[in-house]
């Protein structure tokens, strides 16, 4: 059970990791050409002529990288709120089946596994941006933007988890409030 879950998490983490790497590297090259900053390629490193050029390119490429994470996380949040199999409306489900789009409906395990991966990447990049801004390697406002969006995404996923718990309670008739049950024992005297 745990091995299958771990393999799924690794499988779900491959695409976000590749997307983040390509977004950071590609946007760094694009922004350095857009701003016409001079740089040298030294193996796998890009070395800029000035610190200001590095800070600008690092900041904007980090922003593109975070928005790529945010796009993936946004899609998972949309799936969690609209296409979650436990709280999708029957009419919407019927429409999806009639349009042959039933593969958009996902199970709880799939949604929460993907949400865990994307949310982990969102918070990891937010922490990296905090370190960047602390050491003066990027603009401070990028850290605050990523922090705000990470908090909002986490809140939206928590709301979906609460919906899931509520639907589980309704499905299994678990009372929402604890009930007090009184059991009375009476003494019976047997006379022989």
Protein backbone atom coordinates (compact mmCIF):
# COMPACT_ATOMS: atom_id res chain seq x y z
CA UNK A 1 0.00 0.00 0.00
CA UNK A 2 2.68 2.50 1.03
CA UNK A 3 4.95 1.49 -1.85
CA UNK A 4 2.18 2.12 -4.40
CA UNK A 5 1.44 5.51 -2.87
CA UNK A 6 5.11 6.46 -2.91
CA UNK A 7 5.45 5.40 -6.55
CA UNK A 8 2.37 7.47 -7.45
CA UNK A 9 3.76 10.51 -5.64
CA UNK A 10 7.06 10.18 -7.48
CA UNK A 11 5.16 9.75 -10.74
CA UNK A 12 3.07 12.85 -10.05
CA UNK A 13 6.20 14.84 -9.11
CA UNK A 14 8.10 14.28 -12.37
CA UNK A 15 6.06 16.64 -14.55
CA UNK A 16 6.07 19.55 -12.05
CA UNK A 17 9.82 19.22 -11.49
CA UNK A 18 10.55 19.26 -15.23
CA UNK A 19 8.13 22.16 -15.74
CA UNK A 20 9.78 24.19 -12.99
CA UNK A 21 13.28 23.57 -14.36
CA UNK A 22 12.31 24.51 -17.92
CA UNK A 23 10.38 27.57 -16.76
CA UNK A 24 13.33 28.86 -14.72
CA UNK A 25 16.03 28.17 -17.31
CA UNK A 26 13.99 29.22 -20.33
CA UNK A 27 12.72 32.42 -18.78
CA UNK A 28 16.23 33.31 -17.53
CA UNK A 29 17.53 33.08 -21.09
CA UNK A 30 14.54 34.98 -22.49
CA UNK A 31 14.75 37.79 -19.92
CA UNK A 32 18.49 38.18 -20.34
CA UNK A 33 17.98 38.60 -24.09
CA UNK A 34 14.88 40.81 -23.63
CA UNK A 35 16.71 43.20 -21.29
CA UNK A 36 19.85 42.88 -23.45
CA UNK A 37 22.07 41.95 -20.51
CA UNK A 38 25.47 40.64 -21.40
CA UNK A 39 26.29 37.23 -20.00
CA UNK A 40 28.69 34.37 -20.54
CA UNK A 41 27.91 30.69 -20.64
CA UNK A 42 30.39 28.75 -18.57
CA UNK A 43 29.38 25.10 -18.82
CA UNK A 44 25.96 24.90 -17.22
CA UNK A 45 26.35 28.29 -15.52
CA UNK A 46 25.23 31.67 -16.79
CA UNK A 47 27.47 34.48 -15.54
CA UNK A 48 26.21 38.08 -15.80
CA UNK A 49 28.39 41.17 -16.07
CA UNK A 50 26.62 43.09 -13.27
CA UNK A 51 24.79 42.24 -10.06
CA UNK A 52 21.76 44.32 -11.12
CA UNK A 53 21.40 42.24 -14.27
CA UNK A 54 21.54 39.03 -12.27
CA UNK A 55 18.97 40.27 -9.74
CA UNK A 56 16.56 41.38 -12.48
CA UNK A 57 16.84 38.17 -14.49
CA UNK A 58 16.69 35.98 -11.38
CA UNK A 59 13.64 37.84 -10.07
CA UNK A 60 11.60 37.72 -13.25
CA UNK A 61 12.56 34.15 -14.09
CA UNK A 62 11.60 33.15 -10.55
CA UNK A 63 8.26 34.81 -11.06
CA UNK A 64 7.68 32.84 -14.27
CA UNK A 65 8.72 29.68 -12.45
CA UNK A 66 6.26 30.35 -9.63
CA UNK A 67 3.43 31.08 -12.05
CA UNK A 68 4.07 27.74 -13.74
CA UNK A 69 3.71 26.07 -10.33
CA UNK A 70 0.63 28.18 -9.69
CA UNK A 71 -0.92 27.08 -13.00
CA UNK A 72 -0.50 23.42 -12.08
CA UNK A 73 -1.79 24.02 -8.58
CA UNK A 74 -4.73 25.98 -9.97
CA UNK A 75 -5.68 23.06 -12.20
CA UNK A 76 -5.59 20.70 -9.21
CA UNK A 77 -7.77 23.12 -7.21
CA UNK A 78 -10.26 23.28 -10.09
CA UNK A 79 -10.31 19.47 -10.21
CA UNK A 80 -10.79 19.34 -6.43
CA UNK A 81 -13.74 21.72 -6.41
CA UNK A 82 -15.48 20.83 -9.70
CA UNK A 83 -14.43 17.33 -10.73
CA UNK A 84 -14.05 15.54 -7.38
CA UNK A 85 -15.99 12.29 -7.55
CA UNK A 86 -17.33 12.57 -3.99
CA UNK A 87 -19.03 15.93 -4.36
CA UNK A 88 -19.69 16.40 -8.05
CA UNK A 89 -23.34 17.10 -8.81
CA UNK A 90 -25.20 14.34 -10.64
CA UNK A 91 -26.33 16.69 -13.43
CA UNK A 92 -22.78 17.91 -14.07
CA UNK A 93 -21.52 14.34 -13.99
CA UNK A 94 -24.17 13.34 -16.53
CA UNK A 95 -23.14 16.23 -18.79
CA UNK A 96 -19.50 15.14 -18.64
CA UNK A 97 -20.45 11.56 -19.51
CA UNK A 98 -22.65 12.71 -22.38
CA UNK A 99 -19.72 14.73 -23.80
CA UNK A 100 -17.41 11.72 -23.28
CA UNK A 101 -15.31 13.70 -20.76
CA UNK A 102 -15.64 11.33 -17.81
CA UNK A 103 -11.84 11.18 -17.45
CA UNK A 104 -12.03 14.67 -15.92
CA UNK A 105 -13.69 13.17 -12.84
CA UNK A 106 -11.00 12.16 -10.35
CA UNK A 107 -10.86 10.17 -7.15
CA UNK A 108 -9.88 11.56 -3.79
CA UNK A 109 -6.56 9.72 -3.83
CA UNK A 110 -5.58 11.17 -7.21
CA UNK A 111 -6.58 14.73 -6.39
CA UNK A 112 -4.94 14.83 -2.97
CA UNK A 113 -1.75 13.17 -4.24
CA UNK A 114 -1.43 15.75 -7.00
CA UNK A 115 -2.38 18.56 -4.62
CA UNK A 116 0.31 17.43 -2.16
CA UNK A 117 2.97 17.53 -4.88
CA UNK A 118 1.97 20.90 -6.37
CA UNK A 119 1.48 22.46 -2.94
CA UNK A 120 4.88 21.16 -1.84
CA UNK A 121 6.49 22.77 -4.88
CA UNK A 122 4.60 26.03 -4.25
CA UNK A 123 5.81 26.24 -0.65
CA UNK A 124 9.31 25.11 -1.58
CA UNK A 125 9.64 27.84 -4.20
CA UNK A 126 8.19 30.36 -1.74
CA UNK A 127 10.87 29.42 0.79
CA UNK A 128 13.55 29.68 -1.90
CA UNK A 129 12.26 33.15 -2.84
CA UNK A 130 12.42 34.12 0.83
CA UNK A 131 16.06 33.06 0.95
CA UNK A 132 16.74 34.89 -2.33
CA UNK A 133 15.21 38.11 -1.01
CA UNK A 134 16.98 37.79 2.35
CA UNK A 135 20.37 37.62 0.67
CA UNK A 136 19.49 40.28 -1.92
CA UNK A 137 19.42 37.90 -4.89
CA UNK A 138 15.91 38.89 -6.01
CA UNK A 139 13.27 41.51 -5.39
CA UNK A 140 11.45 41.26 -2.06
CA UNK A 141 7.99 41.71 -3.57
CA UNK A 142 8.33 38.39 -5.42
CA UNK A 143 8.57 36.60 -2.08
CA UNK A 144 5.44 38.33 -0.79
CA UNK A 145 3.49 37.59 -3.98
CA UNK A 146 4.43 33.91 -3.83
CA UNK A 147 3.64 33.78 -0.10
CA UNK A 148 0.18 35.27 -0.66
CA UNK A 149 -0.67 32.90 -3.51
CA UNK A 150 0.64 29.88 -1.57
CA UNK A 151 -1.56 30.79 1.41
CA UNK A 152 -4.61 31.23 -0.84
CA UNK A 153 -4.00 27.89 -2.58
CA UNK A 154 -3.53 26.11 0.74
CA UNK A 155 -6.77 27.63 2.03
CA UNK A 156 -8.70 26.53 -1.05
CA UNK A 157 -7.42 22.97 -0.69
CA UNK A 158 -8.32 22.95 3.01
CA UNK A 159 -11.86 23.99 2.06
CA UNK A 160 -12.04 21.02 -0.30
CA UNK A 161 -10.78 18.68 2.42
CA UNK A 162 -13.53 19.98 4.71
CA UNK A 163 -16.09 19.26 1.97
CA UNK A 164 -14.67 15.75 1.68
CA UNK A 165 -14.95 15.13 5.41
CA UNK A 166 -18.52 16.46 5.43
CA UNK A 167 -19.53 14.24 2.51
CA UNK A 168 -17.95 11.20 4.21
CA UNK A 169 -19.88 11.93 7.39
CA UNK A 170 -23.13 12.25 5.43
CA UNK A 171 -22.47 9.08 3.45
CA UNK A 172 -21.82 6.95 6.50
CA UNK A 173 -24.44 8.64 8.71
CA UNK A 174 -21.87 9.72 11.22
CA UNK A 175 -23.46 12.32 13.49
CA UNK A 176 -21.91 15.76 13.29
CA UNK A 177 -22.29 16.35 17.00
CA UNK A 178 -21.33 13.81 19.60
CA UNK A 179 -24.43 12.37 21.18
CA UNK A 180 -24.78 11.51 24.80
CA UNK A 181 -26.09 8.04 25.39
CA UNK A 182 -27.29 7.03 28.77
CA UNK A 183 -27.31 3.41 29.73
CA UNK A 184 -29.24 2.53 32.86
CA UNK A 185 -28.67 -0.64 34.74
CA UNK A 186 -31.24 -1.89 37.15
CA UNK A 187 -30.65 -4.23 39.99
CA UNK A 188 -32.67 -7.36 40.06
CA UNK A 189 -32.71 -9.50 43.10
CA UNK A 190 -33.10 -13.18 42.57
CA UNK A 191 -34.57 -15.08 45.43
CA UNK A 192 -34.03 -18.77 45.50
